[in-house]
Amino acid sequence: MYWTEELIDSEELELLLKIIIDVWVFTIGPFGRLSILPVISQMVSKPSADGLRLLSFSILRTPKSIADGSVLAIAVLALEDLRAPSLETQMENMSLGSAIQPDNGIEIAINQRNLRAAARYIIKGGTVKGLILDRREYIAAVRKLVGMAPLPIWRVLWSIIDAMILIMTPKEFAAATAAGLGMAVELTLSMQEKLAEWQAVVGRRRRRCFKVQTVAIKWLTVRGRMTYKESTEGDLMRNDVWRLLEGCRYWDRKAVEFGLLGGLAAAASAIDDETQDALEGFINFAFPDDIPDEWSTTDRQLSHSDGFIIPGTAPSRANWLRGWFPETATAAAKEHSKIRQIIESSQLGGYYMDEWLAESASQFSKTL
């Protein structure tokens, strides 16, 4: 929740929502916790700090025992099938009917509980008609997300979730929407106390009380792709360390409030007294205690430190997957090792799974 609050204070609600969606889609999904999908849909339409705080709190309380990687599994397998159709896949398609169009093909696939085939029809443009009465709230939510998806790959991912909701057995649906897995109505008292504690020191060095976890650095960041002989700690020792704040919505707004109308980059090269005075005021506001090069090594290394990879090697997608991809994938229970092999052996460079999938899809575009 600390990092949730950091993004809220930074006024980066859209980024926080993207992270929440990535976590839910790729590590929990409809088989793990379908109950919060309508709230995700609502937040996409109108994100709010309070709503995102509760949504993040709810997801963070998800038991590890129900983690599920089904969406990623089916997306990867469907793209792989399109890239290099195997004899098994060709026979499967023949059994569904060689002249079947996407719309009726997906209905047949769903009736046969063939999620991989259904996913491929969705990627080819198939749509699912009709609503199952007790699932209509969730189907309506995911179809709203399909329509609002900013990128084609997300239309695919939400459509796969659409098919999963329809294919679920009554037992699976009941488990994924159990009362205990619903949205939190309010934060616990202990969490409220923690938030109040953090808010009391907002902007102060004491607020930097947690080290960034390794799993959030490896592969996903510049530091995560650096060797262990390199370090980002020097970034905090720069004379213009305040420029690292540029690009954050909160700090960009503050720069304007201090009179730096051209932004921090322009202020760096300005020589007029007015801009220099404004910049001095901004720096004093940004670092009310002391500047980072006066911090202890321990304090700096909460966020900036050595890289992770061996010199001469590339970042390991296998290590990243071990940290993020759940062992369980209800929709592809026996395919975990195959999926890992497909992703690990790929030469594609996407750092987030949605970027990797989008890059994969573009590579296979001639078959879509």
Protein backbone atom coordinates (compact mmCIF):
# COMPACT_ATOMS: atom_id res chain seq x y z
CA MET A 1 0.00 0.00 0.00
CA TYR A 2 2.98 2.29 0.51
CA TRP A 3 3.72 2.32 -3.23
CA THR A 4 0.03 2.84 -3.99
CA GLU A 5 0.12 5.94 -1.81
CA GLU A 6 3.32 7.14 -3.50
CA LEU A 7 1.59 7.06 -6.90
CA ILE A 8 -1.52 8.77 -5.54
CA ASP A 9 0.57 11.54 -3.98
CA SER A 10 2.42 11.84 -7.30
CA GLU A 11 -0.98 12.35 -8.99
CA GLU A 12 -0.25 9.39 -11.26
CA LEU A 13 -3.69 7.78 -11.04
CA GLU A 14 -3.62 6.45 -14.61
CA LEU A 15 -0.27 4.76 -14.01
CA LEU A 16 -1.52 3.25 -10.75
CA LEU A 17 -4.61 1.93 -12.54
CA LYS A 18 -2.45 0.39 -15.28
CA ILE A 19 -0.34 -1.41 -12.67
CA ILE A 20 -3.42 -2.66 -10.84
CA ILE A 21 -4.91 -3.95 -14.10
CA ASP A 22 -1.62 -5.65 -15.08
CA VAL A 23 -1.44 -7.38 -11.70
CA TRP A 24 -5.06 -8.53 -11.85
CA VAL A 25 -5.02 -9.68 -15.49
CA PHE A 26 -1.68 -11.50 -15.44
CA THR A 27 -1.50 -12.91 -11.90
CA ILE A 28 -5.10 -13.26 -10.64
CA GLY A 29 -7.57 -13.04 -13.49
CA PRO A 30 -11.19 -14.13 -13.73
CA PHE A 31 -10.59 -17.63 -12.35
CA GLY A 32 -8.84 -16.20 -9.31
CA ARG A 33 -10.96 -13.19 -8.42
CA LEU A 34 -13.67 -12.23 -10.90
CA SER A 35 -15.60 -10.32 -8.23
CA ILE A 36 -13.57 -7.09 -8.60
CA LEU A 37 -13.83 -6.86 -12.40
CA PRO A 38 -16.82 -4.46 -12.34
CA VAL A 39 -14.83 -2.11 -10.07
CA ILE A 40 -11.88 -2.19 -12.47
CA SER A 41 -14.27 -1.28 -15.29
CA GLN A 42 -15.67 1.59 -13.22
CA MET A 43 -12.18 2.90 -12.41
CA VAL A 44 -11.19 2.90 -16.09
CA SER A 45 -14.14 5.19 -16.77
CA LYS A 46 -13.57 7.45 -13.79
CA PRO A 47 -10.45 6.83 -11.68
CA SER A 48 -10.36 8.35 -8.22
CA ALA A 49 -7.77 8.26 -5.46
CA ASP A 50 -10.18 6.73 -2.93
CA GLY A 51 -11.45 4.14 -5.39
CA LEU A 52 -7.97 3.11 -6.52
CA ARG A 53 -6.78 2.93 -2.91
CA LEU A 54 -9.56 0.48 -2.05
CA LEU A 55 -9.02 -1.48 -5.26
CA SER A 56 -5.30 -1.81 -4.58
CA PHE A 57 -5.98 -2.77 -0.96
CA SER A 58 -8.43 -5.45 -2.11
CA ILE A 59 -5.98 -6.93 -4.63
CA LEU A 60 -3.12 -6.92 -2.11
CA ARG A 61 -5.28 -9.01 0.22
CA THR A 62 -5.78 -11.70 -2.43
CA PRO A 63 -4.60 -15.06 -1.03
CA LYS A 64 -1.60 -16.47 -2.90
CA SER A 65 -3.46 -19.76 -3.10
CA ILE A 66 -5.83 -18.36 -5.75
CA ALA A 67 -3.17 -16.72 -7.95
CA ASP A 68 -3.88 -17.68 -11.55
CA GLY A 69 -2.08 -17.00 -14.83
CA SER A 70 -4.81 -18.16 -17.20
CA VAL A 71 -5.12 -14.95 -19.23
CA LEU A 72 -1.42 -14.79 -20.02
CA ALA A 73 -1.35 -18.53 -20.67
CA ILE A 74 -4.17 -18.47 -23.22
CA ALA A 75 -2.89 -15.30 -24.89
CA VAL A 76 0.58 -16.80 -25.34
CA LEU A 77 -0.73 -20.15 -26.56
CA ALA A 78 -3.19 -18.53 -28.95
CA LEU A 79 -0.47 -16.35 -30.47
CA GLU A 80 1.86 -19.32 -30.73
CA ASP A 81 -0.84 -21.36 -32.48
CA LEU A 82 -1.26 -18.56 -35.01
CA ARG A 83 2.48 -18.24 -35.53
CA ALA A 84 3.23 -21.90 -36.12
CA PRO A 85 0.10 -24.06 -36.36
CA SER A 86 0.82 -27.61 -35.31
CA LEU A 87 -0.83 -30.72 -36.72
CA GLU A 88 -2.85 -30.93 -33.51
CA THR A 89 -4.11 -27.38 -33.99
CA GLN A 90 -4.97 -28.02 -37.63
CA MET A 91 -6.93 -31.12 -36.67
CA GLU A 92 -8.66 -29.15 -33.91
CA ASN A 93 -9.68 -26.46 -36.39
CA MET A 94 -10.94 -29.12 -38.80
CA SER A 95 -13.05 -30.64 -36.06
CA LEU A 96 -14.64 -27.24 -35.51
CA GLY A 97 -15.40 -26.94 -39.19
CA SER A 98 -13.07 -25.70 -41.92
CA ALA A 99 -15.49 -23.09 -43.24
CA ILE A 100 -16.58 -21.75 -39.86
CA GLN A 101 -16.60 -17.96 -39.54
CA PRO A 102 -15.22 -16.27 -36.39
CA ASP A 103 -18.62 -15.40 -34.89
CA ASN A 104 -20.19 -18.85 -35.02
CA GLY A 105 -16.82 -20.54 -34.58
CA ILE A 106 -16.33 -18.99 -31.18
CA GLU A 107 -19.78 -20.11 -30.10
CA ILE A 108 -18.97 -23.69 -31.08
CA ALA A 109 -15.62 -23.45 -29.29
CA ILE A 110 -17.30 -22.19 -26.12
CA ASN A 111 -19.92 -24.93 -26.26
CA GLN A 112 -17.06 -27.43 -26.50
CA ARG A 113 -15.20 -25.61 -23.66
CA ASN A 114 -12.27 -25.14 -26.02
CA LEU A 115 -10.85 -21.90 -24.69
CA ARG A 116 -7.75 -21.84 -26.89
CA ALA A 117 -9.83 -22.17 -30.02
CA ALA A 118 -12.25 -19.54 -28.71
CA ALA A 119 -9.33 -17.19 -28.05
CA ARG A 120 -8.03 -17.60 -31.60
CA TYR A 121 -11.46 -16.81 -33.02
CA ILE A 122 -11.60 -13.70 -30.82
CA ILE A 123 -8.18 -12.58 -32.08
CA LYS A 124 -9.48 -13.05 -35.62
CA GLY A 125 -12.45 -10.79 -34.84
CA GLY A 126 -15.07 -13.15 -33.48
CA THR A 127 -17.57 -11.88 -30.91
CA VAL A 128 -19.66 -13.66 -28.32
CA LYS A 129 -23.39 -13.01 -28.33
CA GLY A 130 -25.80 -13.27 -25.45
CA LEU A 131 -25.51 -12.96 -21.70
CA ILE A 132 -25.78 -15.64 -19.03
CA LEU A 133 -28.11 -14.18 -16.42
CA ASP A 134 -25.95 -14.57 -13.29
CA ARG A 135 -22.85 -13.42 -15.19
CA ARG A 136 -24.23 -10.42 -17.02
CA GLU A 137 -22.67 -7.87 -14.63
CA TYR A 138 -19.21 -9.28 -15.30
CA ILE A 139 -19.72 -9.77 -19.03
CA ALA A 140 -21.05 -6.22 -19.35
CA ALA A 141 -18.00 -4.94 -17.46
CA VAL A 142 -15.47 -6.76 -19.62
CA ARG A 143 -17.20 -5.78 -22.87
CA LYS A 144 -17.08 -2.16 -21.72
CA LEU A 145 -13.34 -2.64 -21.22
CA VAL A 146 -13.00 -4.14 -24.70
CA GLY A 147 -14.62 -1.04 -26.16
CA MET A 148 -12.39 1.32 -24.16
CA ALA A 149 -9.12 -0.56 -24.72
CA PRO A 150 -6.43 1.87 -25.95
CA LEU A 151 -4.42 -0.80 -27.79
CA PRO A 152 -5.45 -3.77 -29.97
CA ILE A 153 -3.66 -6.26 -27.70
CA TRP A 154 -5.80 -5.16 -24.77
CA ARG A 155 -8.94 -5.72 -26.80
CA VAL A 156 -7.65 -9.25 -27.27
CA LEU A 157 -6.88 -9.73 -23.57
CA TRP A 158 -10.27 -8.44 -22.42
CA SER A 159 -11.99 -10.56 -25.06
CA ILE A 160 -10.16 -13.65 -23.78
CA ILE A 161 -11.47 -12.82 -20.30
CA ASP A 162 -14.96 -12.48 -21.85
CA ALA A 163 -14.67 -16.04 -23.18
CA MET A 164 -13.35 -17.30 -19.83
CA ILE A 165 -16.36 -15.90 -17.99
CA LEU A 166 -18.69 -17.71 -20.41
CA ILE A 167 -16.76 -20.98 -20.29
CA MET A 168 -16.49 -21.15 -16.48
CA THR A 169 -18.33 -24.01 -14.82
CA PRO A 170 -20.89 -23.02 -12.18
CA LYS A 171 -18.42 -24.20 -9.51
CA GLU A 172 -15.59 -22.10 -10.94
CA PHE A 173 -17.86 -19.06 -11.24
CA ALA A 174 -19.07 -19.42 -7.64
CA ALA A 175 -15.48 -19.70 -6.38
CA ALA A 176 -14.32 -16.65 -8.35
CA THR A 177 -17.20 -14.50 -7.06
CA ALA A 178 -17.31 -15.75 -3.47
CA ALA A 179 -18.35 -13.17 -0.89
CA GLY A 180 -14.93 -13.20 0.76
CA LEU A 181 -13.29 -12.14 -2.50
CA GLY A 182 -15.37 -9.03 -3.06
CA MET A 183 -14.15 -5.42 -2.87
CA ALA A 184 -13.14 -4.07 0.50
CA VAL A 185 -15.74 -1.55 1.72
CA GLU A 186 -13.15 0.36 3.72
CA LEU A 187 -9.52 0.13 4.79
CA THR A 188 -8.76 -1.69 8.02
CA LEU A 189 -8.06 0.45 11.07
CA SER A 190 -4.40 -0.57 11.06
CA MET A 191 -4.10 0.44 7.38
CA GLN A 192 -5.76 3.79 8.06
CA GLU A 193 -3.24 4.39 10.85
CA LYS A 194 -0.36 3.60 8.51
CA LEU A 195 -1.69 5.99 5.87
CA ALA A 196 -1.98 8.74 8.48
CA GLU A 197 1.60 8.03 9.57
CA TRP A 198 2.90 8.31 6.00
CA GLN A 199 0.86 11.42 5.27
CA ALA A 200 2.31 13.13 8.33
CA VAL A 201 5.78 13.02 6.77
CA VAL A 202 4.87 13.52 3.11
CA GLY A 203 7.70 15.29 1.30
CA ARG A 204 10.19 14.55 4.09
CA ARG A 205 13.10 12.15 3.90
CA ARG A 206 11.50 10.04 6.65
CA ARG A 207 8.79 9.15 4.14
CA ARG A 208 11.40 7.03 2.27
CA CYS A 209 10.95 4.06 4.61
CA PHE A 210 10.82 1.04 2.27
CA LYS A 211 13.34 -0.42 -0.14
CA VAL A 212 12.14 -1.07 -3.68
CA GLN A 213 11.65 -4.83 -4.01
CA THR A 214 13.96 -6.71 -6.36
CA VAL A 215 11.06 -8.28 -8.25
CA ALA A 216 9.88 -4.77 -9.21
CA ILE A 217 13.31 -3.85 -10.57
CA LYS A 218 14.56 -6.87 -12.50
CA TRP A 219 13.87 -6.67 -16.22
CA LEU A 220 11.32 -3.88 -15.82
CA THR A 221 13.68 -0.95 -15.24
CA VAL A 222 16.94 0.53 -16.49
CA ARG A 223 18.63 -0.62 -13.30
CA GLY A 224 17.16 -4.08 -13.76
CA ARG A 225 18.94 -4.31 -17.12
CA MET A 226 22.28 -3.05 -15.76
CA THR A 227 25.18 -5.27 -14.65
CA TYR A 228 26.06 -5.67 -10.99
CA LYS A 229 29.20 -3.63 -11.69
CA GLU A 230 27.05 -0.60 -12.55
CA SER A 231 24.92 1.50 -10.23
CA THR A 232 22.23 4.15 -10.38
CA GLU A 233 23.32 5.65 -7.05
CA GLY A 234 25.27 8.31 -8.95
CA ASP A 235 21.98 9.72 -10.23
CA LEU A 236 21.27 10.96 -6.70
CA MET A 237 24.69 12.62 -6.48
CA ARG A 238 24.16 14.90 -9.49
CA ASN A 239 24.21 18.66 -9.03
CA ASP A 240 20.94 18.81 -10.92
CA VAL A 241 19.34 15.88 -9.07
CA TRP A 242 16.09 17.85 -9.00
CA ARG A 243 15.74 17.18 -12.73
CA LEU A 244 14.96 13.55 -11.89
CA LEU A 245 11.56 14.82 -10.72
CA GLU A 246 10.62 15.97 -14.21
CA GLY A 247 7.88 13.96 -15.87
CA CYS A 248 5.98 13.29 -12.65
CA ARG A 249 2.61 15.02 -12.78
CA TYR A 250 2.85 16.33 -9.22
CA TRP A 251 6.32 17.79 -9.64
CA ASP A 252 5.57 19.20 -13.09
CA ARG A 253 2.59 21.01 -11.55
CA LYS A 254 4.71 22.27 -8.67
CA ALA A 255 7.36 23.56 -11.08
CA VAL A 256 4.72 25.69 -12.78
CA GLU A 257 3.41 26.92 -9.42
CA PHE A 258 6.93 28.10 -8.55
CA GLY A 259 7.07 30.05 -11.81
CA LEU A 260 9.07 27.56 -13.89
CA LEU A 261 6.58 27.75 -16.74
CA GLY A 262 8.94 26.13 -19.26
CA GLY A 263 9.49 23.10 -17.03
CA LEU A 264 12.55 21.87 -15.18
CA ALA A 265 14.59 21.12 -18.31
CA ALA A 266 14.30 24.73 -19.49
CA ALA A 267 15.12 26.04 -16.02
CA ALA A 268 18.39 24.11 -16.01
CA SER A 269 19.85 26.27 -18.74
CA ALA A 270 18.18 29.58 -17.84
CA ILE A 271 20.43 32.34 -16.52
CA ASP A 272 17.98 35.13 -15.68
CA ASP A 273 17.56 35.98 -12.01
CA GLU A 274 13.80 35.41 -11.96
CA THR A 275 14.11 31.81 -13.15
CA GLN A 276 17.06 31.13 -10.84
CA ASP A 277 15.09 32.43 -7.85
CA ALA A 278 12.09 30.30 -8.83
CA LEU A 279 14.33 27.26 -9.23
CA GLU A 280 15.90 27.82 -5.81
CA GLY A 281 12.45 27.96 -4.25
CA PHE A 282 11.44 24.76 -6.03
CA ILE A 283 14.59 22.91 -4.90
CA ASN A 284 14.11 23.99 -1.28
CA PHE A 285 10.52 22.75 -1.44
CA ALA A 286 11.49 19.44 -3.07
CA PHE A 287 14.29 18.71 -0.58
CA PRO A 288 13.22 20.29 2.74
CA ASP A 289 15.65 18.22 4.85
CA ASP A 290 18.83 17.90 2.78
CA ILE A 291 19.81 17.00 -0.77
CA PRO A 292 20.46 13.36 -1.72
CA ASP A 293 24.26 13.62 -1.98
CA GLU A 294 24.24 14.36 1.78
CA TRP A 295 22.22 11.23 2.56
CA SER A 296 23.80 8.05 3.87
CA THR A 297 24.54 5.23 1.43
CA THR A 298 21.85 3.18 3.16
CA ASP A 299 19.26 5.90 2.55
CA ARG A 300 20.22 6.34 -1.10
CA GLN A 301 20.16 2.61 -1.72
CA LEU A 302 16.52 2.37 -0.75
CA SER A 303 15.85 3.33 -4.36
CA HIS A 304 19.19 3.57 -6.20
CA SER A 305 21.87 0.89 -6.16
CA ASP A 306 23.67 -1.77 -8.21
CA GLY A 307 22.35 -3.57 -11.27
CA PHE A 308 21.56 -7.27 -11.35
CA ILE A 309 22.91 -9.04 -14.41
CA ILE A 310 26.30 -10.62 -15.13
CA PRO A 311 28.46 -8.52 -17.50
CA GLY A 312 28.16 -9.73 -21.07
CA THR A 313 24.73 -11.29 -20.57
CA ALA A 314 21.20 -10.09 -21.24
CA PRO A 315 18.47 -9.68 -18.60
CA SER A 316 16.91 -13.04 -17.81
CA ARG A 317 13.27 -13.26 -18.77
CA ALA A 318 13.24 -16.61 -16.94
CA ASN A 319 14.08 -14.89 -13.64
CA TRP A 320 11.43 -12.27 -14.23
CA LEU A 321 8.82 -14.94 -14.99
CA ARG A 322 9.64 -16.83 -11.81
CA GLY A 323 8.76 -13.69 -9.90
CA TRP A 324 5.55 -12.79 -11.73
CA PHE A 325 4.00 -15.71 -13.62
CA PRO A 326 1.85 -17.89 -11.30
CA GLU A 327 2.50 -21.64 -11.36
CA THR A 328 -1.24 -22.20 -11.64
CA ALA A 329 -3.23 -21.47 -14.81
CA THR A 330 -6.69 -22.99 -14.54
CA ALA A 331 -7.39 -22.58 -18.25
CA ALA A 332 -4.12 -24.27 -19.26
CA ALA A 333 -3.32 -26.49 -16.31
CA LYS A 334 -0.75 -28.68 -18.09
CA GLU A 335 0.86 -26.01 -20.27
CA HIS A 336 2.97 -24.07 -17.76
CA SER A 337 6.35 -25.35 -18.92
CA LYS A 338 5.44 -24.83 -22.59
CA ILE A 339 4.35 -21.24 -21.95
CA ARG A 340 7.55 -20.47 -20.05
CA GLN A 341 9.58 -21.93 -22.90
CA ILE A 342 7.76 -19.81 -25.50
CA ILE A 343 8.29 -16.59 -23.54
CA GLU A 344 11.86 -17.32 -22.42
CA SER A 345 13.04 -18.28 -25.91
CA SER A 346 11.45 -15.26 -27.57
CA GLN A 347 13.76 -12.62 -29.00
CA LEU A 348 11.15 -9.92 -28.47
CA GLY A 349 12.04 -7.03 -26.20
CA GLY A 350 8.83 -5.97 -24.43
CA TYR A 351 9.41 -5.37 -20.73
CA TYR A 352 5.81 -5.60 -19.59
CA MET A 353 3.64 -8.55 -20.57
CA ASP A 354 1.17 -6.39 -22.47
CA GLU A 355 4.08 -4.86 -24.44
CA TRP A 356 5.55 -8.29 -25.12
CA LEU A 357 2.18 -9.66 -26.25
CA ALA A 358 1.59 -6.61 -28.46
CA GLU A 359 5.00 -7.08 -30.03
CA SER A 360 4.25 -10.77 -30.51
CA ALA A 361 0.93 -9.98 -32.15
CA SER A 362 2.54 -7.51 -34.54
CA GLN A 363 5.06 -10.17 -35.54
CA PHE A 364 2.20 -12.55 -36.32
CA SER A 365 -0.02 -9.93 -37.98
CA LYS A 366 -0.05 -11.66 -41.36
CA THR A 367 -1.77 -14.64 -39.78
CA LEU A 368 -4.41 -12.67 -37.86
